[in-house]
Amino acid sequence: MGLLGAILTLTLWINLNSAVSRAADVCNRFGGEYSSMCRQQIKNMVPTVPMALVVCLFLIIAACLAVAAGAVLLFVKRPMGHFLILGGGIVMLMLSIGCEARYGATSRVTYDLIAGLVIAVIGGLMFVPAFRLVLGLPPRLTDVHRPAGFPHGGQWPPGPPPPPQQRPPGPPQHW
């Protein structure tokens, strides 16, 4: 979901920038004074992409990539993965709400909003021990560095190995 959100938001950003440049390219069909008058009219009529929107879209893309990186870290059972998922989901959700409230809703930003909500909920569920067990993770965040086979109360790191057992003296074994 994070990678798809990053791709959709990146294409939205590219489409916004190309729409402004395409409007300016219309004037290239004309020559002379018509071309300069057209450029002046386009400059006055076509709005530029606001810098706040560009920053929001860039941060949404970064949050989507953080979610994708968190999923990879979670797959390899690294403890930082669920924090990236939770943080990225919250950033996606908040910035998508702000972009839709300020600049209007598009389907791509709405996807980021819905995906951000789902990802933030899943990231929050990562702190529930039962949900962590379903995913095959240790039930507590502090148990991630403990190897399998050591219960919570077990000794970690393990102490020195026990001394080797000596055989009682007796006749030598013949092979």
Protein backbone atom coordinates (compact mmCIF):
# COMPACT_ATOMS: atom_id res chain seq x y z
CA MET A 1 0.00 0.00 0.00
CA GLY A 2 2.85 2.35 0.79
CA LEU A 3 4.65 1.79 -2.49
CA LEU A 4 1.43 2.20 -4.48
CA GLY A 5 0.69 5.41 -2.59
CA ALA A 6 4.16 6.75 -3.40
CA ILE A 7 3.72 5.97 -7.10
CA LEU A 8 0.25 7.53 -7.27
CA THR A 9 1.32 10.67 -5.44
CA LEU A 10 4.42 11.03 -7.61
CA THR A 11 2.32 10.80 -10.78
CA LEU A 12 -0.09 13.41 -9.35
CA TRP A 13 2.84 15.75 -8.72
CA ILE A 14 4.19 15.21 -12.24
CA ASN A 15 0.75 15.76 -13.78
CA LEU A 16 0.29 19.03 -11.87
CA ASN A 17 3.64 20.36 -13.06
CA SER A 18 3.11 19.25 -16.64
CA ALA A 19 -0.37 20.84 -16.80
CA VAL A 20 1.12 24.25 -16.02
CA SER A 21 3.87 23.84 -18.62
CA ARG A 22 1.40 22.53 -21.24
CA ALA A 23 -0.73 25.63 -20.83
CA ALA A 24 2.32 27.80 -21.53
CA ASP A 25 3.20 25.69 -24.59
CA VAL A 26 -0.12 26.58 -26.27
CA CYS A 27 1.31 29.98 -27.13
CA ASN A 28 4.09 28.44 -29.19
CA ARG A 29 1.61 27.84 -32.03
CA PHE A 30 1.32 31.55 -32.59
CA GLY A 31 3.92 33.98 -33.82
CA GLY A 32 4.73 37.61 -33.28
CA GLU A 33 2.53 39.78 -31.13
CA TYR A 34 -0.13 37.08 -30.74
CA SER A 35 2.43 34.86 -29.05
CA SER A 36 3.45 37.52 -26.52
CA MET A 37 -0.19 38.42 -25.78
CA CYS A 38 -1.00 34.73 -25.31
CA ARG A 39 1.89 34.29 -22.90
CA GLN A 40 0.71 37.27 -20.84
CA GLN A 41 -2.83 35.88 -20.68
CA ILE A 42 -1.63 32.40 -19.75
CA LYS A 43 0.62 33.88 -17.09
CA ASN A 44 -2.34 35.72 -15.56
CA MET A 45 -4.89 32.89 -15.91
CA VAL A 46 -3.04 29.66 -15.18
CA PRO A 47 -2.18 29.28 -11.52
CA THR A 48 1.16 27.87 -10.53
CA VAL A 49 1.42 24.88 -8.22
CA PRO A 50 1.54 26.23 -4.64
CA MET A 51 4.75 25.49 -2.78
CA ALA A 52 2.81 24.19 0.25
CA LEU A 53 1.13 21.59 -1.99
CA VAL A 54 4.48 20.53 -3.43
CA VAL A 55 5.91 20.13 0.10
CA CYS A 56 2.83 18.14 1.21
CA LEU A 57 3.05 15.83 -1.80
CA PHE A 58 6.78 15.32 -1.24
CA LEU A 59 6.20 14.47 2.44
CA ILE A 60 3.37 12.08 1.52
CA ILE A 61 5.73 10.32 -0.91
CA ALA A 62 8.41 10.12 1.81
CA ALA A 63 5.86 8.71 4.29
CA CYS A 64 4.73 6.11 1.75
CA LEU A 65 8.33 5.03 1.20
CA ALA A 66 8.85 4.87 4.98
CA VAL A 67 5.85 2.54 5.23
CA ALA A 68 7.28 0.33 2.50
CA ALA A 69 10.66 0.26 4.26
CA GLY A 70 8.88 -0.56 7.54
CA ALA A 71 7.14 -3.49 5.90
CA VAL A 72 10.47 -4.81 4.66
CA LEU A 73 12.00 -4.40 8.13
CA LEU A 74 9.01 -6.14 9.65
CA PHE A 75 9.45 -9.00 7.19
CA VAL A 76 13.03 -9.48 8.32
CA LYS A 77 11.87 -9.14 11.94
CA ARG A 78 13.68 -5.91 12.79
CA PRO A 79 12.19 -3.95 15.70
CA MET A 80 12.16 -0.60 13.88
CA GLY A 81 9.67 -1.74 11.22
CA HIS A 82 6.47 -1.22 13.15
CA PHE A 83 7.55 2.31 14.18
CA LEU A 84 8.08 3.22 10.52
CA ILE A 85 4.69 1.76 9.62
CA LEU A 86 2.90 3.64 12.39
CA GLY A 87 4.70 6.94 11.76
CA GLY A 88 4.35 6.76 7.99
CA GLY A 89 0.66 5.94 8.24
CA ILE A 90 0.01 8.87 10.56
CA VAL A 91 1.93 11.29 8.32
CA MET A 92 0.07 10.02 5.23
CA LEU A 93 -3.27 10.42 6.99
CA MET A 94 -2.65 13.91 8.37
CA LEU A 95 -1.12 15.38 5.22
CA SER A 96 -3.80 13.85 3.00
CA ILE A 97 -6.52 15.38 5.17
CA GLY A 98 -4.75 18.75 4.98
CA CYS A 99 -4.29 18.57 1.19
CA GLU A 100 -7.90 17.60 0.60
CA ALA A 101 -9.20 20.33 2.91
CA ARG A 102 -7.03 23.05 1.38
CA TYR A 103 -6.73 22.12 -2.29
CA GLY A 104 -9.67 19.79 -2.96
CA ALA A 105 -9.96 16.05 -3.29
CA THR A 106 -8.48 13.98 -6.08
CA SER A 107 -8.65 10.23 -6.25
CA ARG A 108 -4.92 9.88 -5.64
CA VAL A 109 -4.91 11.98 -2.48
CA THR A 110 -8.06 10.15 -1.32
CA TYR A 111 -6.19 6.88 -1.78
CA ASP A 112 -3.38 8.25 0.40
CA LEU A 113 -5.95 9.21 3.03
CA ILE A 114 -7.58 5.77 3.10
CA ALA A 115 -4.25 3.93 2.91
CA GLY A 116 -2.85 6.18 5.65
CA LEU A 117 -5.77 5.32 7.90
CA VAL A 118 -5.42 1.58 7.30
CA ILE A 119 -1.65 1.67 7.72
CA ALA A 120 -1.86 3.75 10.92
CA VAL A 121 -4.38 1.30 12.40
CA ILE A 122 -2.17 -1.67 11.50
CA GLY A 123 0.86 0.17 12.90
CA GLY A 124 -1.04 0.77 16.13
CA LEU A 125 -2.04 -2.88 16.32
CA MET A 126 1.65 -3.77 16.25
CA PHE A 127 1.76 -2.78 19.92
CA VAL A 128 -0.89 -5.38 20.85
CA PRO A 129 0.82 -8.65 21.90
CA ALA A 130 -1.89 -10.92 20.46
CA PHE A 131 -1.62 -9.23 17.04
CA ARG A 132 2.15 -9.58 17.14
CA LEU A 133 1.83 -13.32 17.80
CA VAL A 134 -0.47 -13.69 14.79
CA LEU A 135 2.27 -12.15 12.63
CA GLY A 136 4.89 -14.46 14.10
CA LEU A 137 6.63 -11.71 16.06
CA PRO A 138 7.58 -11.89 19.74
CA PRO A 139 4.73 -10.78 22.00
CA ARG A 140 6.70 -7.87 23.47
CA LEU A 141 8.92 -5.29 21.87
CA THR A 142 11.65 -6.07 24.38
CA ASP A 143 11.76 -9.73 23.31
CA VAL A 144 13.05 -9.07 19.80
CA HIS A 145 16.72 -9.71 20.64
CA ARG A 146 16.03 -12.87 22.64
CA PRO A 147 16.71 -16.05 20.70
CA ALA A 148 14.06 -18.70 20.45
CA GLY A 149 14.07 -21.20 23.27
CA PHE A 150 14.70 -18.68 26.04
CA PRO A 151 11.50 -17.89 27.92
CA HIS A 152 10.95 -14.40 29.30
CA GLY A 153 12.56 -15.27 32.64
CA GLY A 154 15.49 -17.14 31.07
CA GLN A 155 19.03 -15.99 31.33
CA TRP A 156 20.05 -13.68 28.51
CA PRO A 157 22.78 -13.37 27.51
CA PRO A 158 23.59 -16.93 28.44
CA GLY A 159 26.36 -17.50 30.93
CA PRO A 160 29.47 -19.60 30.33
CA PRO A 161 28.86 -23.13 29.06
CA PRO A 162 28.72 -25.88 31.67
CA PRO A 163 31.96 -27.83 32.18
CA PRO A 164 32.26 -31.10 30.25
CA GLN A 165 31.20 -34.22 32.14
CA GLN A 166 34.00 -36.59 33.07
CA ARG A 167 33.59 -40.33 32.62
CA PRO A 168 34.21 -42.55 35.61
CA PRO A 169 37.51 -44.40 35.43
CA GLY A 170 37.21 -47.90 34.14
CA PRO A 171 38.56 -50.22 31.51
CA PRO A 172 39.47 -48.51 28.23
CA GLN A 173 36.99 -48.94 25.44
CA HIS A 174 38.07 -51.11 22.55
CA TRP A 175 36.94 -50.19 19.12
